[in-house]
Protein backbone atom coordinates (compact mmCIF):
# COMPACT_ATOMS: atom_id res chain seq x y z
CA UNK A 1 88.05 49.15 119.22
CA UNK A 2 88.98 52.40 120.96
CA UNK A 3 89.10 52.72 124.75
CA UNK A 4 86.07 55.02 124.65
CA UNK A 5 84.01 52.39 122.82
CA UNK A 6 85.16 49.64 125.17
CA UNK A 7 83.85 51.63 128.13
CA UNK A 8 80.40 51.63 126.53
CA UNK A 9 80.15 47.84 126.03
CA UNK A 10 77.41 47.55 128.69
CA UNK A 11 75.47 50.51 127.25
CA UNK A 12 74.37 49.32 123.79
CA UNK A 13 72.51 52.47 122.77
CA UNK A 14 75.37 54.78 123.76
CA UNK A 15 77.81 52.40 122.05
CA UNK A 16 75.84 52.61 118.78
CA UNK A 17 75.71 56.41 118.98
CA UNK A 18 79.48 56.61 119.60
CA UNK A 19 80.19 54.19 116.74
CA UNK A 20 77.94 56.21 114.42
CA UNK A 21 79.81 59.42 115.30
CA UNK A 22 83.16 57.72 114.71
CA UNK A 23 82.04 56.38 111.31
CA UNK A 24 80.65 59.78 110.32
CA UNK A 25 83.94 61.48 111.23
CA UNK A 26 85.89 58.94 109.16
CA UNK A 27 83.51 59.43 106.21
CA UNK A 28 83.89 63.21 106.39
CA UNK A 29 87.70 62.85 106.39
CA UNK A 30 87.43 60.95 103.13
CA UNK A 31 85.02 63.50 101.58
CA UNK A 32 81.89 61.37 101.80
CA UNK A 33 78.62 62.43 103.43
CA UNK A 34 77.19 60.35 106.22
CA UNK A 35 73.63 59.83 105.01
CA UNK A 36 74.35 57.56 102.08
CA UNK A 37 78.15 57.50 102.11
CA UNK A 38 78.13 59.56 98.91
CA UNK A 39 80.54 62.20 97.68
CA UNK A 40 78.75 65.02 95.83
CA UNK A 41 80.10 67.33 93.18
CA UNK A 42 78.85 69.61 90.41
CA UNK A 43 79.26 67.98 87.00
CA UNK A 44 80.46 70.23 84.20
CA UNK A 45 81.89 69.75 80.72
CA UNK A 46 84.96 71.35 79.16
CA UNK A 47 85.20 70.44 75.49
CA UNK A 48 84.89 66.63 75.43
CA UNK A 49 85.71 65.92 79.09
CA UNK A 50 83.46 65.77 82.14
CA UNK A 51 84.64 67.16 85.46
CA UNK A 52 83.30 67.43 89.00
CA UNK A 53 83.77 70.41 91.30
CA UNK A 54 83.46 69.49 94.99
CA UNK A 55 80.13 70.77 96.31
CA UNK A 56 81.77 73.20 98.80
CA UNK A 57 83.70 74.85 95.90
CA UNK A 58 80.50 75.97 94.13
CA UNK A 59 78.44 78.99 95.18
CA UNK A 60 76.10 79.08 92.17
CA UNK A 61 75.75 78.49 88.45
CA UNK A 62 74.79 81.37 86.13
CA UNK A 63 74.16 81.95 82.45
CA UNK A 64 77.12 83.91 81.03
CA UNK A 65 76.72 87.57 82.05
CA UNK A 66 77.83 90.55 80.01
CA UNK A 67 81.39 91.43 80.93
CA UNK A 68 84.00 94.11 80.30
CA UNK A 69 87.46 93.12 79.10
CA UNK A 70 90.40 93.98 81.38
CA UNK A 71 93.23 95.58 79.38
CA UNK A 72 96.60 93.84 79.72
CA UNK A 73 95.17 90.71 81.35
CA UNK A 74 95.80 87.09 80.40
CA UNK A 75 93.68 85.85 77.48
CA UNK A 76 91.81 83.40 79.72
CA UNK A 77 90.55 86.27 81.91
CA UNK A 78 87.64 87.21 79.69
CA UNK A 79 86.73 90.23 81.79
CA UNK A 80 84.71 91.32 84.80
CA UNK A 81 80.95 91.27 85.18
CA UNK A 82 78.59 93.06 87.52
CA UNK A 83 76.67 90.26 89.26
CA UNK A 84 74.14 91.63 91.74
CA UNK A 85 76.35 94.64 92.48
CA UNK A 86 79.61 92.71 92.89
CA UNK A 87 82.44 92.53 90.36
CA UNK A 88 83.04 88.95 89.25
CA UNK A 89 86.05 88.02 87.11
CA UNK A 90 84.98 85.67 84.30
CA UNK A 91 87.56 83.02 83.39
CA UNK A 92 87.53 80.78 80.31
CA UNK A 93 88.45 77.61 82.20
CA UNK A 94 89.19 75.62 79.04
CA UNK A 95 91.58 78.27 77.75
CA UNK A 96 93.27 78.50 81.15
CA UNK A 97 93.85 74.73 81.05
CA UNK A 98 95.20 74.82 77.49
CA UNK A 99 92.13 73.32 75.83
CA UNK A 100 91.52 76.24 73.44
CA UNK A 101 88.92 78.99 73.45
CA UNK A 102 85.35 78.20 74.35
CA UNK A 103 82.85 78.23 71.49
CA UNK A 104 79.54 80.11 71.73
CA UNK A 105 76.68 77.81 72.69
CA UNK A 106 73.30 77.86 74.44
CA UNK A 107 74.69 75.47 77.06
CA UNK A 108 77.51 77.75 78.31
CA UNK A 109 77.41 78.42 82.04
CA UNK A 110 79.48 80.22 84.65
CA UNK A 111 80.33 78.21 87.76
CA UNK A 112 80.92 80.70 90.59
CA UNK A 113 83.60 79.80 93.12
CA UNK A 114 82.40 79.71 96.73
CA UNK A 115 85.17 81.84 98.22
CA UNK A 116 84.77 85.23 99.91
CA UNK A 117 88.39 86.26 99.28
CA UNK A 118 88.78 85.16 95.65
CA UNK A 119 85.77 86.04 93.51
CA UNK A 120 85.80 84.05 90.28
CA UNK A 121 83.36 82.72 87.73
CA UNK A 122 84.53 79.89 85.48
CA UNK A 123 82.99 79.68 82.02
CA UNK A 124 82.32 76.04 81.07
CA UNK A 125 80.71 74.35 78.07
CA UNK A 126 77.85 72.72 79.97
CA UNK A 127 76.66 71.87 83.49
CA UNK A 128 75.14 68.49 84.37
CA UNK A 129 74.03 69.34 87.91
CA UNK A 130 75.10 67.79 91.19
CA UNK A 131 76.08 64.13 91.06
CA UNK A 132 76.60 61.65 93.89
CA UNK A 133 79.26 58.95 93.92
CA UNK A 134 80.07 56.11 96.28
CA UNK A 135 83.54 54.82 97.21
CA UNK A 136 83.02 51.98 94.70
CA UNK A 137 82.78 54.58 91.89
CA UNK A 138 86.30 55.91 92.60
CA UNK A 139 88.94 55.37 89.93
CA UNK A 140 91.98 57.43 90.90
CA UNK A 141 94.11 55.66 88.31
CA UNK A 142 92.36 57.89 85.73
CA UNK A 143 94.04 60.92 87.33
CA UNK A 144 97.32 59.16 88.10
CA UNK A 145 97.73 58.51 84.38
CA UNK A 146 97.47 62.23 83.51
CA UNK A 147 100.70 63.76 82.21
CA UNK A 148 102.34 66.19 84.62
CA UNK A 149 100.10 65.26 87.53
CA UNK A 150 101.66 66.72 90.68
CA UNK A 151 99.42 65.72 93.61
CA UNK A 152 100.65 68.60 95.78
CA UNK A 153 99.86 71.36 93.26
CA UNK A 154 97.42 69.84 90.83
CA UNK A 155 93.76 70.91 90.81
CA UNK A 156 92.90 67.29 89.91
CA UNK A 157 91.86 65.52 93.09
CA UNK A 158 90.63 62.17 91.85
CA UNK A 159 88.18 60.54 89.50
CA UNK A 160 84.94 58.62 89.44
CA UNK A 161 83.38 56.44 86.81
CA UNK A 162 79.65 55.81 86.68
CA UNK A 163 77.36 54.53 83.95
CA UNK A 164 80.20 54.55 81.43
CA UNK A 165 81.17 58.19 82.04
CA UNK A 166 84.52 59.17 83.54
CA UNK A 167 84.41 62.25 85.80
CA UNK A 168 87.64 63.96 86.88
CA UNK A 169 87.38 65.74 90.23
CA UNK A 170 88.65 69.27 89.77
CA UNK A 171 89.23 71.70 92.66
CA UNK A 172 88.26 75.22 91.59
CA UNK A 173 89.47 76.42 94.99
CA UNK A 174 92.96 74.93 94.51
CA UNK A 175 93.16 76.42 91.02
CA UNK A 176 92.14 79.86 92.35
CA UNK A 177 94.93 79.63 94.94
CA UNK A 178 97.64 78.93 92.36
CA UNK A 179 100.21 81.57 91.46
CA UNK A 180 99.34 81.33 87.73
CA UNK A 181 95.72 82.18 88.50
CA UNK A 182 96.59 85.06 90.82
CA UNK A 183 98.80 86.61 88.10
CA UNK A 184 95.86 87.06 85.70
CA UNK A 185 96.47 90.77 85.23
CA UNK A 186 100.18 90.46 84.46
């Protein structure tokens, strides 16, 4: 028990409030919300695999907009689209990750990165909506077993398993900060 909490031992209400704040801070450090101790992410599918983007990484989800190809850019940079007056680069996330080109489908969606400095829309095969997970659902060994996993540079942050489905946590923000991503036009 911390010194601050010990000072409140004769003030039960204040002690409970202080303990609640401490627990909430610890939960936030671990990426879990305080209300139900859940971590929330947007579920999306690339080919046969399900991923989760941390809720703060996602601004919105759109149907694929019309876009214009950028000459001389990497193949995974499909082009730029005018979305409500702003230019949004559209990236084939599967192609960028070496999973081959995306196939046309009615379920295709663009997950827009929530970042003012790096506009990006990631084309994915399907979106499953926001999903909540508890600490008991964590299975980081699923990510640790991935070939070439470098925890300092990898966009893969962890994994959850729920109702027989494995979800890999994927940081769109970390990917957008990588040197490979920033060299899209080269």
